[in-house]
Amino acid sequence: MSESQQSVVQNEVSADLLERIEATINRIRPYLRQDGGDIQLVDFQDGVVTVRMIGACAGCFMASTDISEGVQTILMEEVPEVTKVVMEAETVEGGAGFYW
């Protein structure tokens, strides 16, 4: 089980569900890596998958589009329990949080 799955398991989500989410993310990952980025599962609660965009994706202006039109669509098709995908809130200096 990956480190991200272990942190999510604490939220009492079934291991099978997390494995299906992670497997789907693993199928998406090569496309993001082509552009120097990556994606990591952070959390799953109440149908909402939270992901972290890393590498070139972390600061990319297209990241929110990639999430809403790509990752979310694929995850919702492959894993019916998923109702939404959001990016983890990032914190900038000064402590103000925002979503990409």
PDB file of N, CA and C in Angstrom:
ATOM      1  N   MET A   1       0.852  -1.174   0.000  1.00  0.00           N
ATOM      2  CA  MET A   1       0.000   0.000   0.000  1.00  0.00           C
ATOM      3  C   MET A   1       0.894   1.232   0.000  1.00  0.00           C
ATOM      4  N   SER A   2       0.601   2.226  -0.842  1.00  0.00           N
ATOM      5  CA  SER A   2       1.426   3.421  -0.933  1.00  0.00           C
ATOM      6  C   SER A   2       1.217   4.312   0.286  1.00  0.00           C
ATOM      7  N   GLU A   3       2.133   5.247   0.471  1.00  0.00           N
ATOM      8  CA  GLU A   3       2.039   6.186   1.601  1.00  0.00           C
ATOM      9  C   GLU A   3       0.750   6.995   1.534  1.00  0.00           C
ATOM     10  N   SER A   4       0.355   7.421   0.323  1.00  0.00           N
ATOM     11  CA  SER A   4      -0.879   8.196   0.198  1.00  0.00           C
ATOM     12  C   SER A   4      -2.095   7.358   0.577  1.00  0.00           C
ATOM     13  N   GLN A   5      -2.079   6.061   0.223  1.00  0.00           N
ATOM     14  CA  GLN A   5      -3.192   5.189   0.596  1.00  0.00           C
ATOM     15  C   GLN A   5      -3.247   5.009   2.100  1.00  0.00           C
ATOM     16  N   GLN A   6      -2.096   4.914   2.758  1.00  0.00           N
ATOM     17  CA  GLN A   6      -2.072   4.735   4.196  1.00  0.00           C
ATOM     18  C   GLN A   6      -2.698   5.917   4.910  1.00  0.00           C
ATOM     19  N   SER A   7      -2.415   7.150   4.458  1.00  0.00           N
ATOM     20  CA  SER A   7      -2.997   8.312   5.119  1.00  0.00           C
ATOM     21  C   SER A   7      -4.497   8.378   4.882  1.00  0.00           C
ATOM     22  N   VAL A   8      -4.947   7.957   3.719  1.00  0.00           N
ATOM     23  CA  VAL A   8      -6.370   7.984   3.425  1.00  0.00           C
ATOM     24  C   VAL A   8      -7.100   6.879   4.176  1.00  0.00           C
ATOM     25  N   VAL A   9      -6.440   5.733   4.395  1.00  0.00           N
ATOM     26  CA  VAL A   9      -7.075   4.622   5.091  1.00  0.00           C
ATOM     27  C   VAL A   9      -7.518   5.048   6.483  1.00  0.00           C
ATOM     28  N   GLN A  10      -6.817   5.991   7.074  1.00  0.00           N
ATOM     29  CA  GLN A  10      -7.195   6.482   8.396  1.00  0.00           C
ATOM     30  C   GLN A  10      -8.610   7.044   8.382  1.00  0.00           C
ATOM     31  N   ASN A  11      -9.106   7.430   7.234  1.00  0.00           N
ATOM     32  CA  ASN A  11     -10.463   7.948   7.110  1.00  0.00           C
ATOM     33  C   ASN A  11     -11.477   6.826   6.921  1.00  0.00           C
ATOM     34  N   GLU A  12     -11.050   5.588   7.137  1.00  0.00           N
ATOM     35  CA  GLU A  12     -11.921   4.416   7.086  1.00  0.00           C
ATOM     36  C   GLU A  12     -12.562   4.186   5.719  1.00  0.00           C
ATOM     37  N   VAL A  13     -11.812   4.440   4.675  1.00  0.00           N
ATOM     38  CA  VAL A  13     -12.239   4.157   3.319  1.00  0.00           C
ATOM     39  C   VAL A  13     -11.730   2.760   2.991  1.00  0.00           C
ATOM     40  N   SER A  14     -12.526   1.968   2.277  1.00  0.00           N
ATOM     41  CA  SER A  14     -12.122   0.597   1.990  1.00  0.00           C
ATOM     42  C   SER A  14     -10.846   0.558   1.155  1.00  0.00           C
ATOM     43  N   ALA A  15     -10.015  -0.423   1.443  1.00  0.00           N
ATOM     44  CA  ALA A  15      -8.764  -0.588   0.718  1.00  0.00           C
ATOM     45  C   ALA A  15      -9.028  -0.835  -0.767  1.00  0.00           C
ATOM     46  N   ASP A  16     -10.095  -1.586  -1.080  1.00  0.00           N
ATOM     47  CA  ASP A  16     -10.441  -1.854  -2.480  1.00  0.00           C
ATOM     48  C   ASP A  16     -10.740  -0.560  -3.229  1.00  0.00           C
ATOM     49  N   LEU A  17     -11.496   0.324  -2.616  1.00  0.00           N
ATOM     50  CA  LEU A  17     -11.832   1.600  -3.249  1.00  0.00           C
ATOM     51  C   LEU A  17     -10.575   2.423  -3.483  1.00  0.00           C
ATOM     52  N   LEU A  18      -9.696   2.497  -2.492  1.00  0.00           N
ATOM     53  CA  LEU A  18      -8.450   3.245  -2.650  1.00  0.00           C
ATOM     54  C   LEU A  18      -7.572   2.647  -3.741  1.00  0.00           C
ATOM     55  N   GLU A  19      -7.547   1.333  -3.829  1.00  0.00           N
ATOM     56  CA  GLU A  19      -6.762   0.686  -4.874  1.00  0.00           C
ATOM     57  C   GLU A  19      -7.311   1.004  -6.257  1.00  0.00           C
ATOM     58  N   ARG A  20      -8.630   1.064  -6.389  1.00  0.00           N
ATOM     59  CA  ARG A  20      -9.223   1.410  -7.688  1.00  0.00           C
ATOM     60  C   ARG A  20      -8.933   2.855  -8.051  1.00  0.00           C
ATOM     61  N   ILE A  21      -8.982   3.753  -7.069  1.00  0.00           N
ATOM     62  CA  ILE A  21      -8.652   5.164  -7.324  1.00  0.00           C
ATOM     63  C   ILE A  21      -7.188   5.278  -7.726  1.00  0.00           C
ATOM     64  N   GLU A  22      -6.310   4.650  -6.960  1.00  0.00           N
ATOM     65  CA  GLU A  22      -4.875   4.708  -7.245  1.00  0.00           C
ATOM     66  C   GLU A  22      -4.545   4.085  -8.599  1.00  0.00           C
ATOM     67  N   ALA A  23      -5.196   2.974  -8.940  1.00  0.00           N
ATOM     68  CA  ALA A  23      -4.962   2.328 -10.236  1.00  0.00           C
ATOM     69  C   ALA A  23      -5.370   3.251 -11.389  1.00  0.00           C
ATOM     70  N   THR A  24      -6.460   3.958 -11.214  1.00  0.00           N
ATOM     71  CA  THR A  24      -6.915   4.892 -12.248  1.00  0.00           C
ATOM     72  C   THR A  24      -5.945   6.058 -12.366  1.00  0.00           C
ATOM     73  N   ILE A  25      -5.502   6.585 -11.241  1.00  0.00           N
ATOM     74  CA  ILE A  25      -4.508   7.664 -11.263  1.00  0.00           C
ATOM     75  C   ILE A  25      -3.228   7.177 -11.940  1.00  0.00           C
ATOM     76  N   ASN A  26      -2.849   5.938 -11.687  1.00  0.00           N
ATOM     77  CA  ASN A  26      -1.638   5.390 -12.323  1.00  0.00           C
ATOM     78  C   ASN A  26      -1.766   5.316 -13.839  1.00  0.00           C
ATOM     79  N   ARG A  27      -2.979   5.147 -14.349  1.00  0.00           N
ATOM     80  CA  ARG A  27      -3.183   5.137 -15.809  1.00  0.00           C
ATOM     81  C   ARG A  27      -3.121   6.556 -16.384  1.00  0.00           C
ATOM     82  N   ILE A  28      -3.439   7.549 -15.580  1.00  0.00           N
ATOM     83  CA  ILE A  28      -3.393   8.953 -16.008  1.00  0.00           C
ATOM     84  C   ILE A  28      -1.968   9.504 -15.920  1.00  0.00           C
ATOM     85  N   ARG A  29      -1.237   9.048 -14.929  1.00  0.00           N
ATOM     86  CA  ARG A  29       0.093   9.571 -14.590  1.00  0.00           C
ATOM     87  C   ARG A  29       1.054   9.693 -15.785  1.00  0.00           C
ATOM     88  N   PRO A  30       1.170   8.721 -16.694  1.00  0.00           N
ATOM     89  CA  PRO A  30       2.131   8.857 -17.799  1.00  0.00           C
ATOM     90  C   PRO A  30       1.898  10.101 -18.663  1.00  0.00           C
ATOM     91  N   TYR A  31       0.662  10.501 -18.828  1.00  0.00           N
ATOM     92  CA  TYR A  31       0.366  11.687 -19.640  1.00  0.00           C
ATOM     93  C   TYR A  31       0.860  12.955 -18.958  1.00  0.00           C
ATOM     94  N   LEU A  32       0.755  13.014 -17.644  1.00  0.00           N
ATOM     95  CA  LEU A  32       1.251  14.174 -16.904  1.00  0.00           C
ATOM     96  C   LEU A  32       2.777  14.177 -16.870  1.00  0.00           C
ATOM     97  N   ARG A  33       3.361  13.003 -16.769  1.00  0.00           N
ATOM     98  CA  ARG A  33       4.822  12.894 -16.716  1.00  0.00           C
ATOM     99  C   ARG A  33       5.468  13.293 -18.037  1.00  0.00           C
ATOM    100  N   GLN A  34       4.740  13.157 -19.142  1.00  0.00           N
ATOM    101  CA  GLN A  34       5.277  13.578 -20.442  1.00  0.00           C
ATOM    102  C   GLN A  34       5.640  15.052 -20.424  1.00  0.00           C
ATOM    103  N   ASP A  35       4.924  15.829 -19.624  1.00  0.00           N
ATOM    104  CA  ASP A  35       5.175  17.266 -19.533  1.00  0.00           C
ATOM    105  C   ASP A  35       5.937  17.645 -18.267  1.00  0.00           C
ATOM    106  N   GLY A  36       6.518  16.648 -17.590  1.00  0.00           N
ATOM    107  CA  GLY A  36       7.334  16.924 -16.413  1.00  0.00           C
ATOM    108  C   GLY A  36       6.559  17.051 -15.110  1.00  0.00           C
ATOM    109  N   GLY A  37       5.293  16.630 -15.110  1.00  0.00           N
ATOM    110  CA  GLY A  37       4.482  16.732 -13.901  1.00  0.00           C
ATOM    111  C   GLY A  37       4.100  15.373 -13.363  1.00  0.00           C
ATOM    112  N   ASP A  38       3.297  15.408 -12.329  1.00  0.00           N
ATOM    113  CA  ASP A  38       2.806  14.167 -11.738  1.00  0.00           C
ATOM    114  C   ASP A  38       1.605  14.511 -10.863  1.00  0.00           C
ATOM    115  N   ILE A  39       0.959  13.472 -10.358  1.00  0.00           N
ATOM    116  CA  ILE A  39      -0.231  13.630  -9.527  1.00  0.00           C
ATOM    117  C   ILE A  39      -0.138  12.634  -8.386  1.00  0.00           C
ATOM    118  N   GLN A  40      -0.631  13.035  -7.226  1.00  0.00           N
ATOM    119  CA  GLN A  40      -0.574  12.176  -6.049  1.00  0.00           C
ATOM    120  C   GLN A  40      -1.916  12.216  -5.334  1.00  0.00           C
ATOM    121  N   LEU A  41      -2.407  11.052  -4.952  1.00  0.00           N
ATOM    122  CA  LEU A  41      -3.635  10.954  -4.165  1.00  0.00           C
ATOM    123  C   LEU A  41      -3.341  11.438  -2.754  1.00  0.00           C
ATOM    124  N   VAL A  42      -4.144  12.385  -2.269  1.00  0.00           N
ATOM    125  CA  VAL A  42      -3.970  12.936  -0.928  1.00  0.00           C
ATOM    126  C   VAL A  42      -5.042  12.430   0.014  1.00  0.00           C
ATOM    127  N   ASP A  43      -6.303  12.410  -0.468  1.00  0.00           N
ATOM    128  CA  ASP A  43      -7.406  12.066   0.416  1.00  0.00           C
ATOM    129  C   ASP A  43      -8.618  11.637  -0.394  1.00  0.00           C
ATOM    130  N   PHE A  44      -9.511  10.932   0.264  1.00  0.00           N
ATOM    131  CA  PHE A  44     -10.818  10.599  -0.303  1.00  0.00           C
ATOM    132  C   PHE A  44     -11.824  10.628   0.834  1.00  0.00           C
ATOM    133  N   GLN A  45     -12.805  11.516   0.722  1.00  0.00           N
ATOM    134  CA  GLN A  45     -13.861  11.625   1.726  1.00  0.00           C
ATOM    135  C   GLN A  45     -15.162  11.996   1.040  1.00  0.00           C
ATOM    136  N   ASP A  46     -16.202  11.290   1.395  1.00  0.00           N
ATOM    137  CA  ASP A  46     -17.554  11.619   0.924  1.00  0.00           C
ATOM    138  C   ASP A  46     -17.628  11.795  -0.586  1.00  0.00           C
ATOM    139  N   GLY A  47     -16.947  10.936  -1.327  1.00  0.00           N
ATOM    140  CA  GLY A  47     -16.998  10.977  -2.776  1.00  0.00           C
ATOM    141  C   GLY A  47     -16.014  11.931  -3.428  1.00  0.00           C
ATOM    142  N   VAL A  48     -15.301  12.719  -2.628  1.00  0.00           N
ATOM    143  CA  VAL A  48     -14.387  13.724  -3.164  1.00  0.00           C
ATOM    144  C   VAL A  48     -12.943  13.242  -3.038  1.00  0.00           C
ATOM    145  N   VAL A  49     -12.264  13.169  -4.183  1.00  0.00           N
ATOM    146  CA  VAL A  49     -10.848  12.809  -4.229  1.00  0.00           C
ATOM    147  C   VAL A  49     -10.052  14.106  -4.207  1.00  0.00           C
ATOM    148  N   THR A  50      -9.098  14.180  -3.297  1.00  0.00           N
ATOM    149  CA  THR A  50      -8.185  15.320  -3.250  1.00  0.00           C
ATOM    150  C   THR A  50      -6.841  14.844  -3.764  1.00  0.00           C
ATOM    151  N   VAL A  51      -6.290  15.597  -4.711  1.00  0.00           N
ATOM    152  CA  VAL A  51      -5.005  15.253  -5.305  1.00  0.00           C
ATOM    153  C   VAL A  51      -4.029  16.405  -5.151  1.00  0.00           C
ATOM    154  N   ARG A  52      -2.758  16.063  -5.255  1.00  0.00           N
ATOM    155  CA  ARG A  52      -1.697  17.065  -5.245  1.00  0.00           C
ATOM    156  C   ARG A  52      -1.020  17.002  -6.605  1.00  0.00           C
ATOM    157  N   MET A  53      -0.920  18.142  -7.249  1.00  0.00           N
ATOM    158  CA  MET A  53      -0.195  18.218  -8.510  1.00  0.00           C
ATOM    159  C   MET A  53       1.247  18.560  -8.165  1.00  0.00           C
ATOM    160  N   ILE A  54       2.190  17.799  -8.730  1.00  0.00           N
ATOM    161  CA  ILE A  54       3.592  18.015  -8.408  1.00  0.00           C
ATOM    162  C   ILE A  54       4.415  18.160  -9.684  1.00  0.00           C
ATOM    163  N   GLY A  55       5.663  18.566  -9.507  1.00  0.00           N
ATOM    164  CA  GLY A  55       6.530  18.800 -10.656  1.00  0.00           C
ATOM    165  C   GLY A  55       6.030  19.976 -11.465  1.00  0.00           C
ATOM    166  N   ALA A  56       6.117  19.871 -12.774  1.00  0.00           N
ATOM    167  CA  ALA A  56       5.696  20.963 -13.653  1.00  0.00           C
ATOM    168  C   ALA A  56       4.212  21.270 -13.518  1.00  0.00           C
ATOM    169  N   CYS A  57       3.420  20.295 -13.076  1.00  0.00           N
ATOM    170  CA  CYS A  57       1.973  20.507 -12.923  1.00  0.00           C
ATOM    171  C   CYS A  57       1.636  21.427 -11.755  1.00  0.00           C
ATOM    172  N   ALA A  58       2.518  21.494 -10.753  1.00  0.00           N
ATOM    173  CA  ALA A  58       2.234  22.253  -9.542  1.00  0.00           C
ATOM    174  C   ALA A  58       1.964  23.729  -9.823  1.00  0.00           C
ATOM    175  N   GLY A  59       2.657  24.319 -10.750  1.00  0.00           N
ATOM    176  CA  GLY A  59       2.462  25.730 -11.027  1.00  0.00           C
ATOM    177  C   GLY A  59       1.833  26.007 -12.379  1.00  0.00           C
ATOM    178  N   CYS A  60       1.393  24.987 -13.038  1.00  0.00           N
ATOM    179  CA  CYS A  60       0.873  25.129 -14.396  1.00  0.00           C
ATOM    180  C   CYS A  60      -0.514  25.764 -14.404  1.00  0.00           C
ATOM    181  N   PHE A  61      -0.718  26.724 -15.270  1.00  0.00           N
ATOM    182  CA  PHE A  61      -2.016  27.378 -15.374  1.00  0.00           C
ATOM    183  C   PHE A  61      -3.086  26.430 -15.918  1.00  0.00           C
ATOM    184  N   MET A  62      -2.671  25.320 -16.510  1.00  0.00           N
ATOM    185  CA  MET A  62      -3.627  24.347 -17.040  1.00  0.00           C
ATOM    186  C   MET A  62      -4.013  23.267 -16.029  1.00  0.00           C
ATOM    187  N   ALA A  63      -3.429  23.303 -14.842  1.00  0.00           N
ATOM    188  CA  ALA A  63      -3.664  22.241 -13.856  1.00  0.00           C
ATOM    189  C   ALA A  63      -5.142  22.109 -13.507  1.00  0.00           C
ATOM    190  N   SER A  64      -5.834  23.215 -13.302  1.00  0.00           N
ATOM    191  CA  SER A  64      -7.254  23.117 -12.932  1.00  0.00           C
ATOM    192  C   SER A  64      -8.078  22.536 -14.076  1.00  0.00           C
ATOM    193  N   THR A  65      -7.698  22.844 -15.316  1.00  0.00           N
ATOM    194  CA  THR A  65      -8.385  22.264 -16.474  1.00  0.00           C
ATOM    195  C   THR A  65      -8.078  20.778 -16.576  1.00  0.00           C
ATOM    196  N   ASP A  66      -6.823  20.414 -16.344  1.00  0.00           N
ATOM    197  CA  ASP A  66      -6.446  18.997 -16.362  1.00  0.00           C
ATOM    198  C   ASP A  66      -7.246  18.219 -15.321  1.00  0.00           C
ATOM    199  N   ILE A  67      -7.460  18.823 -14.159  1.00  0.00           N
ATOM    200  CA  ILE A  67      -8.222  18.165 -13.098  1.00  0.00           C
ATOM    201  C   ILE A  67      -9.683  18.034 -13.512  1.00  0.00           C
ATOM    202  N   SER A  68     -10.315  19.144 -13.874  1.00  0.00           N
ATOM    203  CA  SER A  68     -11.766  19.126 -14.125  1.00  0.00           C
ATOM    204  C   SER A  68     -12.146  18.395 -15.406  1.00  0.00           C
ATOM    205  N   GLU A  69     -11.361  18.539 -16.462  1.00  0.00           N
ATOM    206  CA  GLU A  69     -11.734  17.938 -17.739  1.00  0.00           C
ATOM    207  C   GLU A  69     -11.058  16.596 -18.008  1.00  0.00           C
ATOM    208  N   GLY A  70     -10.023  16.292 -17.257  1.00  0.00           N
ATOM    209  CA  GLY A  70      -9.309  15.047 -17.491  1.00  0.00           C
ATOM    210  C   GLY A  70      -9.421  14.091 -16.329  1.00  0.00           C
ATOM    211  N   VAL A  71      -8.726  14.399 -15.261  1.00  0.00           N
ATOM    212  CA  VAL A  71      -8.645  13.499 -14.111  1.00  0.00           C
ATOM    213  C   VAL A  71     -10.024  13.213 -13.527  1.00  0.00           C
ATOM    214  N   GLN A  72     -10.805  14.249 -13.299  1.00  0.00           N
ATOM    215  CA  GLN A  72     -12.135  14.060 -12.707  1.00  0.00           C
ATOM    216  C   GLN A  72     -13.029  13.200 -13.602  1.00  0.00           C
ATOM    217  N   THR A  73     -13.043  13.498 -14.869  1.00  0.00           N
ATOM    218  CA  THR A  73     -13.879  12.750 -15.806  1.00  0.00           C
ATOM    219  C   THR A  73     -13.508  11.263 -15.810  1.00  0.00           C
ATOM    220  N   ILE A  74     -12.213  10.998 -15.885  1.00  0.00           N
ATOM    221  CA  ILE A  74     -11.759   9.608 -15.930  1.00  0.00           C
ATOM    222  C   ILE A  74     -12.052   8.897 -14.611  1.00  0.00           C
ATOM    223  N   LEU A  75     -11.745   9.542 -13.487  1.00  0.00           N
ATOM    224  CA  LEU A  75     -12.000   8.910 -12.190  1.00  0.00           C
ATOM    225  C   LEU A  75     -13.486   8.633 -11.979  1.00  0.00           C
ATOM    226  N   MET A  76     -14.338   9.557 -12.363  1.00  0.00           N
ATOM    227  CA  MET A  76     -15.781   9.359 -12.181  1.00  0.00           C
ATOM    228  C   MET A  76     -16.290   8.220 -13.059  1.00  0.00           C
ATOM    229  N   GLU A  77     -15.722   8.050 -14.240  1.00  0.00           N
ATOM    230  CA  GLU A  77     -16.119   6.950 -15.125  1.00  0.00           C
ATOM    231  C   GLU A  77     -15.625   5.609 -14.591  1.00  0.00           C
ATOM    232  N   GLU A  78     -14.403   5.578 -14.093  1.00  0.00           N
ATOM    233  CA  GLU A  78     -13.781   4.326 -13.658  1.00  0.00           C
ATOM    234  C   GLU A  78     -14.171   3.913 -12.240  1.00  0.00           C
ATOM    235  N   VAL A  79     -14.428   4.899 -11.383  1.00  0.00           N
ATOM    236  CA  VAL A  79     -14.729   4.629  -9.972  1.00  0.00           C
ATOM    237  C   VAL A  79     -16.023   5.371  -9.624  1.00  0.00           C
ATOM    238  N   PRO A  80     -17.161   4.693  -9.720  1.00  0.00           N
ATOM    239  CA  PRO A  80     -18.465   5.348  -9.531  1.00  0.00           C
ATOM    240  C   PRO A  80     -18.638   6.051  -8.184  1.00  0.00           C
ATOM    241  N   GLU A  81     -17.881   5.650  -7.185  1.00  0.00           N
ATOM    242  CA  GLU A  81     -17.988   6.298  -5.867  1.00  0.00           C
ATOM    243  C   GLU A  81     -17.427   7.717  -5.867  1.00  0.00           C
ATOM    244  N   VAL A  82     -16.631   8.053  -6.870  1.00  0.00           N
ATOM    245  CA  VAL A  82     -16.036   9.386  -6.970  1.00  0.00           C
ATOM    246  C   VAL A  82     -17.054  10.344  -7.580  1.00  0.00           C
ATOM    247  N   THR A  83     -17.302  11.448  -6.876  1.00  0.00           N
ATOM    248  CA  THR A  83     -18.244  12.451  -7.363  1.00  0.00           C
ATOM    249  C   THR A  83     -17.563  13.761  -7.762  1.00  0.00           C
ATOM    250  N   LYS A  84     -16.317  13.941  -7.304  1.00  0.00           N
ATOM    251  CA  LYS A  84     -15.614  15.194  -7.581  1.00  0.00           C
ATOM    252  C   LYS A  84     -14.134  14.987  -7.314  1.00  0.00           C
ATOM    253  N   VAL A  85     -13.290  15.741  -8.025  1.00  0.00           N
ATOM    254  CA  VAL A  85     -11.851  15.735  -7.790  1.00  0.00           C
ATOM    255  C   VAL A  85     -11.415  17.178  -7.586  1.00  0.00           C
ATOM    256  N   VAL A  86     -10.680  17.421  -6.506  1.00  0.00           N
ATOM    257  CA  VAL A  86     -10.173  18.763  -6.213  1.00  0.00           C
ATOM    258  C   VAL A  86      -8.678  18.687  -5.963  1.00  0.00           C
ATOM    259  N   MET A  87      -8.009  19.826  -6.190  1.00  0.00           N
ATOM    260  CA  MET A  87      -6.596  19.915  -5.862  1.00  0.00           C
ATOM    261  C   MET A  87      -6.446  20.325  -4.414  1.00  0.00           C
ATOM    262  N   GLU A  88      -5.413  19.804  -3.802  1.00  0.00           N
ATOM    263  CA  GLU A  88      -5.099  20.165  -2.424  1.00  0.00           C
ATOM    264  C   GLU A  88      -4.863  21.667  -2.333  1.00  0.00           C
ATOM    265  N   ALA A  89      -5.340  22.267  -1.259  1.00  0.00           N
ATOM    266  CA  ALA A  89      -5.102  23.693  -1.039  1.00  0.00           C
ATOM    267  C   ALA A  89      -3.623  23.919  -0.834  1.00  0.00           C
ATOM    268  N   GLU A  90      -3.085  24.859  -1.549  1.00  0.00           N
ATOM    269  CA  GLU A  90      -1.679  25.217  -1.407  1.00  0.00           C
ATOM    270  C   GLU A  90      -1.584  26.396  -0.465  1.00  0.00           C
ATOM    271  N   THR A  91      -0.481  26.508   0.226  1.00  0.00           N
ATOM    272  CA  THR A  91      -0.283  27.638   1.126  1.00  0.00           C
ATOM    273  C   THR A  91       0.870  28.474   0.602  1.00  0.00           C
ATOM    274  N   VAL A  92       0.617  29.771   0.482  1.00  0.00           N
ATOM    275  CA  VAL A  92       1.661  30.700   0.052  1.00  0.00           C
ATOM    276  C   VAL A  92       2.233  31.364   1.286  1.00  0.00           C
ATOM    277  N   GLU A  93       3.380  32.024   1.143  1.00  0.00           N
ATOM    278  CA  GLU A  93       3.976  32.710   2.277  1.00  0.00           C
ATOM    279  C   GLU A  93       2.964  33.681   2.858  1.00  0.00           C
ATOM    280  N   GLY A  94       2.935  33.755   4.162  1.00  0.00           N
ATOM    281  CA  GLY A  94       1.957  34.609   4.825  1.00  0.00           C
ATOM    282  C   GLY A  94       0.764  33.810   5.291  1.00  0.00           C
ATOM    283  N   GLY A  95       0.675  32.540   4.891  1.00  0.00           N
ATOM    284  CA  GLY A  95      -0.348  31.651   5.419  1.00  0.00           C
ATOM    285  C   GLY A  95      -1.675  31.673   4.714  1.00  0.00           C
ATOM    286  N   ALA A  96      -1.842  32.434   3.662  1.00  0.00           N
ATOM    287  CA  ALA A  96      -3.129  32.461   2.959  1.00  0.00           C
ATOM    288  C   ALA A  96      -3.256  31.216   2.085  1.00  0.00           C
ATOM    289  N   GLY A  97      -4.341  30.482   2.210  1.00  0.00           N
ATOM    290  CA  GLY A  97      -4.546  29.290   1.399  1.00  0.00           C
ATOM    291  C   GLY A  97      -5.326  29.624   0.142  1.00  0.00           C
ATOM    292  N   PHE A  98      -5.081  28.898  -0.917  1.00  0.00           N
ATOM    293  CA  PHE A  98      -5.847  29.089  -2.138  1.00  0.00           C
ATOM    294  C   PHE A  98      -5.859  27.792  -2.916  1.00  0.00           C
ATOM    295  N   TYR A  99      -6.785  27.690  -3.843  1.00  0.00           N
ATOM    296  CA  TYR A  99      -6.846  26.554  -4.753  1.00  0.00           C
ATOM    297  C   TYR A  99      -6.397  27.026  -6.110  1.00  0.00           C
ATOM    298  N   TRP A 100      -5.648  26.164  -6.784  1.00  0.00           N
ATOM    299  CA  TRP A 100      -5.224  26.479  -8.146  1.00  0.00           C
ATOM    300  C   TRP A 100      -6.382  26.425  -9.067  1.00  0.00           C
TER     301      TRP A 100
END
